[in-house]
Amino acid sequence: MKAITIEKLTNISTSQLDQIMHIWLQENISAHGAYVSEAYWRTNEPLVRQLIQTTATVYVAEEHGVVKGFCGLQDDYIAGIFVCSDMHGQGVGTRLIEAVKADHHRLSLSVYKQNSVAIKFYETQGFVLTQTGMDEENHVPECEMNWEQTKF
């Protein structure tokens, strides 16, 4: 793997935020374009930017100061994990999840049911499907998945 560093951000620079939002938009359009409109992501971009700046806990994967992926959380809820397409399959998502797990005893997330690649990834990270439902905004089936730290 390339020289990727994982960091929990305490202060997000404008440059980091711009890079994070670029990844967020591009990867959402790429991953969900078949069932969620591009307009939805573009419309929600300002709100997501504000949430990342103000209330989210953000972990970033950087290569030589360039953001290659990130994970955003609200408490124990993973709001999203995104990795640049040129870094897919190189362990970046796994390293982000490992960093988040190190700081949490349990985690939950929602994922579109049609996003089988993401569901498989989360399962390999120890997440289990707990329920299915409907994303009311987009009328798309989604799954809730949870992870709990194993007690020894």
C-alpha atoms as a PDB file:
ATOM      1  CA  MET A   1       0.000   0.000   0.000  1.00  0.00           C
ATOM      2  CA  LYS A   2       1.063   3.561  -0.629  1.00  0.00           C
ATOM      3  CA  ALA A   3       2.141   5.833   2.250  1.00  0.00           C
ATOM      4  CA  ILE A   4      -1.326   6.400   3.666  1.00  0.00           C
ATOM      5  CA  THR A   5      -1.772   7.956   7.095  1.00  0.00           C
ATOM      6  CA  ILE A   6      -5.014   7.821   9.069  1.00  0.00           C
ATOM      7  CA  GLU A   7      -5.863  10.733  11.337  1.00  0.00           C
ATOM      8  CA  LYS A   8      -8.836  11.749  13.462  1.00  0.00           C
ATOM      9  CA  LEU A   9      -9.299  15.422  12.665  1.00  0.00           C
ATOM     10  CA  THR A  10      -9.761  17.946  15.438  1.00  0.00           C
ATOM     11  CA  ASN A  11      -9.678  20.970  13.140  1.00  0.00           C
ATOM     12  CA  ILE A  12     -10.576  20.583   9.476  1.00  0.00           C
ATOM     13  CA  SER A  13      -8.731  22.930   7.164  1.00  0.00           C
ATOM     14  CA  THR A  14     -10.521  24.506   4.216  1.00  0.00           C
ATOM     15  CA  SER A  15      -8.348  22.433   1.887  1.00  0.00           C
ATOM     16  CA  GLN A  16      -9.226  19.191   3.691  1.00  0.00           C
ATOM     17  CA  LEU A  17     -12.921  20.073   3.700  1.00  0.00           C
ATOM     18  CA  ASP A  18     -12.864  20.840  -0.031  1.00  0.00           C
ATOM     19  CA  GLN A  19     -11.139  17.519  -0.738  1.00  0.00           C
ATOM     20  CA  ILE A  20     -13.541  15.618   1.526  1.00  0.00           C
ATOM     21  CA  MET A  21     -16.561  17.162  -0.187  1.00  0.00           C
ATOM     22  CA  HIS A  22     -15.164  16.407  -3.645  1.00  0.00           C
ATOM     23  CA  ILE A  23     -14.731  12.745  -2.673  1.00  0.00           C
ATOM     24  CA  TRP A  24     -18.172  12.674  -1.030  1.00  0.00           C
ATOM     25  CA  LEU A  25     -19.904  14.000  -4.141  1.00  0.00           C
ATOM     26  CA  GLN A  26     -17.991  11.957  -6.722  1.00  0.00           C
ATOM     27  CA  GLU A  27     -18.224   8.666  -4.847  1.00  0.00           C
ATOM     28  CA  ASN A  28     -21.935   9.067  -4.043  1.00  0.00           C
ATOM     29  CA  ILE A  29     -22.735   9.768  -7.682  1.00  0.00           C
ATOM     30  CA  SER A  30     -20.553   6.861  -8.794  1.00  0.00           C
ATOM     31  CA  ALA A  31     -21.834   4.332  -6.246  1.00  0.00           C
ATOM     32  CA  HIS A  32     -25.523   5.272  -6.234  1.00  0.00           C
ATOM     33  CA  GLY A  33     -26.139   6.810  -9.659  1.00  0.00           C
ATOM     34  CA  ALA A  34     -28.348   3.948 -10.814  1.00  0.00           C
ATOM     35  CA  TYR A  35     -30.943   4.513  -8.084  1.00  0.00           C
ATOM     36  CA  VAL A  36     -30.398   7.997  -6.549  1.00  0.00           C
ATOM     37  CA  SER A  37     -30.330  11.097  -8.741  1.00  0.00           C
ATOM     38  CA  GLU A  38     -27.197  13.203  -9.047  1.00  0.00           C
ATOM     39  CA  ALA A  39     -29.372  16.223  -8.229  1.00  0.00           C
ATOM     40  CA  TYR A  40     -30.075  14.748  -4.779  1.00  0.00           C
ATOM     41  CA  TRP A  41     -26.371  14.652  -3.920  1.00  0.00           C
ATOM     42  CA  ARG A  42     -25.707  18.125  -5.317  1.00  0.00           C
ATOM     43  CA  THR A  43     -28.680  19.572  -3.407  1.00  0.00           C
ATOM     44  CA  ASN A  44     -27.489  18.025  -0.135  1.00  0.00           C
ATOM     45  CA  GLU A  45     -23.833  18.986  -0.539  1.00  0.00           C
ATOM     46  CA  PRO A  46     -24.099  22.319   1.391  1.00  0.00           C
ATOM     47  CA  LEU A  47     -25.808  20.619   4.353  1.00  0.00           C
ATOM     48  CA  VAL A  48     -23.243  17.814   4.446  1.00  0.00           C
ATOM     49  CA  ARG A  49     -20.414  20.373   4.268  1.00  0.00           C
ATOM     50  CA  GLN A  50     -21.908  22.214   7.240  1.00  0.00           C
ATOM     51  CA  LEU A  51     -22.357  19.011   9.263  1.00  0.00           C
ATOM     52  CA  ILE A  52     -18.795  17.895   8.578  1.00  0.00           C
ATOM     53  CA  GLN A  53     -17.510  21.315   9.637  1.00  0.00           C
ATOM     54  CA  THR A  54     -19.583  21.609  12.783  1.00  0.00           C
ATOM     55  CA  THR A  55     -20.806  18.346  14.308  1.00  0.00           C
ATOM     56  CA  ALA A  56     -19.280  15.287  12.656  1.00  0.00           C
ATOM     57  CA  THR A  57     -16.261  13.379  13.876  1.00  0.00           C
ATOM     58  CA  VAL A  58     -14.051  12.867  10.822  1.00  0.00           C
ATOM     59  CA  TYR A  59     -11.217  10.440  10.184  1.00  0.00           C
ATOM     60  CA  VAL A  60      -9.151  10.987   7.038  1.00  0.00           C
ATOM     61  CA  ALA A  61      -6.807   8.835   5.012  1.00  0.00           C
ATOM     62  CA  GLU A  62      -4.116  11.031   3.475  1.00  0.00           C
ATOM     63  CA  GLU A  63      -1.260  10.393   1.112  1.00  0.00           C
ATOM     64  CA  HIS A  64       1.385  13.123   1.195  1.00  0.00           C
ATOM     65  CA  GLY A  65      -1.193  15.621   2.489  1.00  0.00           C
ATOM     66  CA  VAL A  66      -3.849  14.710  -0.088  1.00  0.00           C
ATOM     67  CA  VAL A  67      -7.129  13.281   1.234  1.00  0.00           C
ATOM     68  CA  LYS A  68      -7.759   9.858  -0.322  1.00  0.00           C
ATOM     69  CA  GLY A  69     -10.665   8.804   1.860  1.00  0.00           C
ATOM     70  CA  PHE A  70     -12.629   9.673   4.967  1.00  0.00           C
ATOM     71  CA  CYS A  71     -15.155   8.408   7.459  1.00  0.00           C
ATOM     72  CA  GLY A  72     -17.691  10.730   9.072  1.00  0.00           C
ATOM     73  CA  LEU A  73     -19.554   9.882  12.257  1.00  0.00           C
ATOM     74  CA  GLN A  74     -22.290  11.248  14.488  1.00  0.00           C
ATOM     75  CA  ASP A  75     -21.537   9.658  17.874  1.00  0.00           C
ATOM     76  CA  ASP A  76     -21.514   5.869  17.171  1.00  0.00           C
ATOM     77  CA  TYR A  77     -23.265   6.187  13.798  1.00  0.00           C
ATOM     78  CA  ILE A  78     -21.141   6.030  10.655  1.00  0.00           C
ATOM     79  CA  ALA A  79     -22.778   8.616   8.406  1.00  0.00           C
ATOM     80  CA  GLY A  80     -20.475   7.657   5.553  1.00  0.00           C
ATOM     81  CA  ILE A  81     -17.163   6.193   4.528  1.00  0.00           C
ATOM     82  CA  PHE A  82     -15.728   7.137   1.157  1.00  0.00           C
ATOM     83  CA  VAL A  83     -12.496   6.281  -0.634  1.00  0.00           C
ATOM     84  CA  CYS A  84     -11.273   7.790  -3.911  1.00  0.00           C
ATOM     85  CA  SER A  85     -11.906   5.397  -6.772  1.00  0.00           C
ATOM     86  CA  ASP A  86      -8.179   5.194  -7.580  1.00  0.00           C
ATOM     87  CA  MET A  87      -7.595   3.795  -4.079  1.00  0.00           C
ATOM     88  CA  HIS A  88     -10.357   1.153  -4.070  1.00  0.00           C
ATOM     89  CA  GLY A  89      -9.144  -2.304  -3.121  1.00  0.00           C
ATOM     90  CA  GLN A  90      -5.959  -1.044  -1.462  1.00  0.00           C
ATOM     91  CA  GLY A  91      -7.025  -1.348   2.181  1.00  0.00           C
ATOM     92  CA  VAL A  92      -7.824   2.322   2.774  1.00  0.00           C
ATOM     93  CA  GLY A  93     -11.422   1.671   3.839  1.00  0.00           C
ATOM     94  CA  THR A  94     -10.287  -1.121   6.148  1.00  0.00           C
ATOM     95  CA  ARG A  95      -7.739   1.154   7.811  1.00  0.00           C
ATOM     96  CA  LEU A  96     -10.356   3.873   8.284  1.00  0.00           C
ATOM     97  CA  ILE A  97     -12.789   1.394   9.878  1.00  0.00           C
ATOM     98  CA  GLU A  98     -10.018   0.026  12.122  1.00  0.00           C
ATOM     99  CA  ALA A  99      -9.211   3.546  13.352  1.00  0.00           C
ATOM    100  CA  VAL A 100     -12.885   4.229  14.076  1.00  0.00           C
ATOM    101  CA  LYS A 101     -13.307   0.882  15.870  1.00  0.00           C
ATOM    102  CA  ALA A 102     -10.331   1.696  18.099  1.00  0.00           C
ATOM    103  CA  ASP A 103     -12.321   4.647  19.491  1.00  0.00           C
ATOM    104  CA  HIS A 104     -15.751   2.960  19.778  1.00  0.00           C
ATOM    105  CA  HIS A 105     -17.298  -0.098  21.446  1.00  0.00           C
ATOM    106  CA  ARG A 106     -20.183  -0.272  18.982  1.00  0.00           C
ATOM    107  CA  LEU A 107     -21.025   1.243  15.612  1.00  0.00           C
ATOM    108  CA  SER A 108     -24.054   1.376  13.350  1.00  0.00           C
ATOM    109  CA  LEU A 109     -24.649   2.505   9.788  1.00  0.00           C
ATOM    110  CA  SER A 110     -27.188   2.487   6.988  1.00  0.00           C
ATOM    111  CA  VAL A 111     -26.387   1.338   3.478  1.00  0.00           C
ATOM    112  CA  TYR A 112     -28.507   1.127   0.351  1.00  0.00           C
ATOM    113  CA  LYS A 113     -29.559  -2.489  -0.232  1.00  0.00           C
ATOM    114  CA  GLN A 114     -28.481  -2.231  -3.886  1.00  0.00           C
ATOM    115  CA  ASN A 115     -24.937  -1.289  -2.837  1.00  0.00           C
ATOM    116  CA  SER A 116     -23.787  -4.903  -2.592  1.00  0.00           C
ATOM    117  CA  VAL A 117     -20.090  -3.953  -2.738  1.00  0.00           C
ATOM    118  CA  ALA A 118     -20.450  -1.812   0.398  1.00  0.00           C
ATOM    119  CA  ILE A 119     -22.512  -4.446   2.210  1.00  0.00           C
ATOM    120  CA  LYS A 120     -19.860  -7.083   1.495  1.00  0.00           C
ATOM    121  CA  PHE A 121     -17.131  -4.697   2.699  1.00  0.00           C
ATOM    122  CA  TYR A 122     -18.965  -3.994   5.957  1.00  0.00           C
ATOM    123  CA  GLU A 123     -19.546  -7.716   6.517  1.00  0.00           C
ATOM    124  CA  THR A 124     -15.802  -8.365   6.138  1.00  0.00           C
ATOM    125  CA  GLN A 125     -15.281  -5.687   8.807  1.00  0.00           C
ATOM    126  CA  GLY A 126     -17.525  -7.559  11.259  1.00  0.00           C
ATOM    127  CA  PHE A 127     -20.772  -5.641  10.736  1.00  0.00           C
ATOM    128  CA  VAL A 128     -24.005  -7.630  10.758  1.00  0.00           C
ATOM    129  CA  LEU A 129     -27.316  -6.824   9.109  1.00  0.00           C
ATOM    130  CA  THR A 130     -29.848  -5.952  11.806  1.00  0.00           C
ATOM    131  CA  GLN A 131     -32.833  -4.693   9.828  1.00  0.00           C
ATOM    132  CA  THR A 132     -34.029  -3.491   6.465  1.00  0.00           C
ATOM    133  CA  GLY A 133     -36.191  -0.509   5.712  1.00  0.00           C
ATOM    134  CA  MET A 134     -36.770   2.277   3.238  1.00  0.00           C
ATOM    135  CA  ASP A 135     -34.878   5.518   2.707  1.00  0.00           C
ATOM    136  CA  GLU A 136     -37.923   7.767   2.776  1.00  0.00           C
ATOM    137  CA  GLU A 137     -36.295  10.635   0.850  1.00  0.00           C
ATOM    138  CA  ASN A 138     -35.227   8.534  -2.135  1.00  0.00           C
ATOM    139  CA  HIS A 139     -37.660   5.602  -1.833  1.00  0.00           C
ATOM    140  CA  VAL A 140     -34.747   3.175  -1.980  1.00  0.00           C
ATOM    141  CA  PRO A 141     -34.446   0.051   0.215  1.00  0.00           C
ATOM    142  CA  GLU A 142     -31.711   0.295   2.828  1.00  0.00           C
ATOM    143  CA  CYS A 143     -30.124  -1.938   5.425  1.00  0.00           C
ATOM    144  CA  GLU A 144     -29.034  -1.138   8.948  1.00  0.00           C
ATOM    145  CA  MET A 145     -25.812  -2.814  10.029  1.00  0.00           C
ATOM    146  CA  ASN A 146     -24.162  -2.922  13.440  1.00  0.00           C
ATOM    147  CA  TRP A 147     -20.801  -3.832  14.899  1.00  0.00           C
ATOM    148  CA  GLU A 148     -19.968  -4.474  18.544  1.00  0.00           C
ATOM    149  CA  GLN A 149     -16.553  -4.920  20.055  1.00  0.00           C
ATOM    150  CA  THR A 150     -15.947  -8.533  21.009  1.00  0.00           C
ATOM    151  CA  LYS A 151     -15.425  -9.019  24.725  1.00  0.00           C
ATOM    152  CA  PHE A 152     -12.766 -11.481  25.806  1.00  0.00           C
END
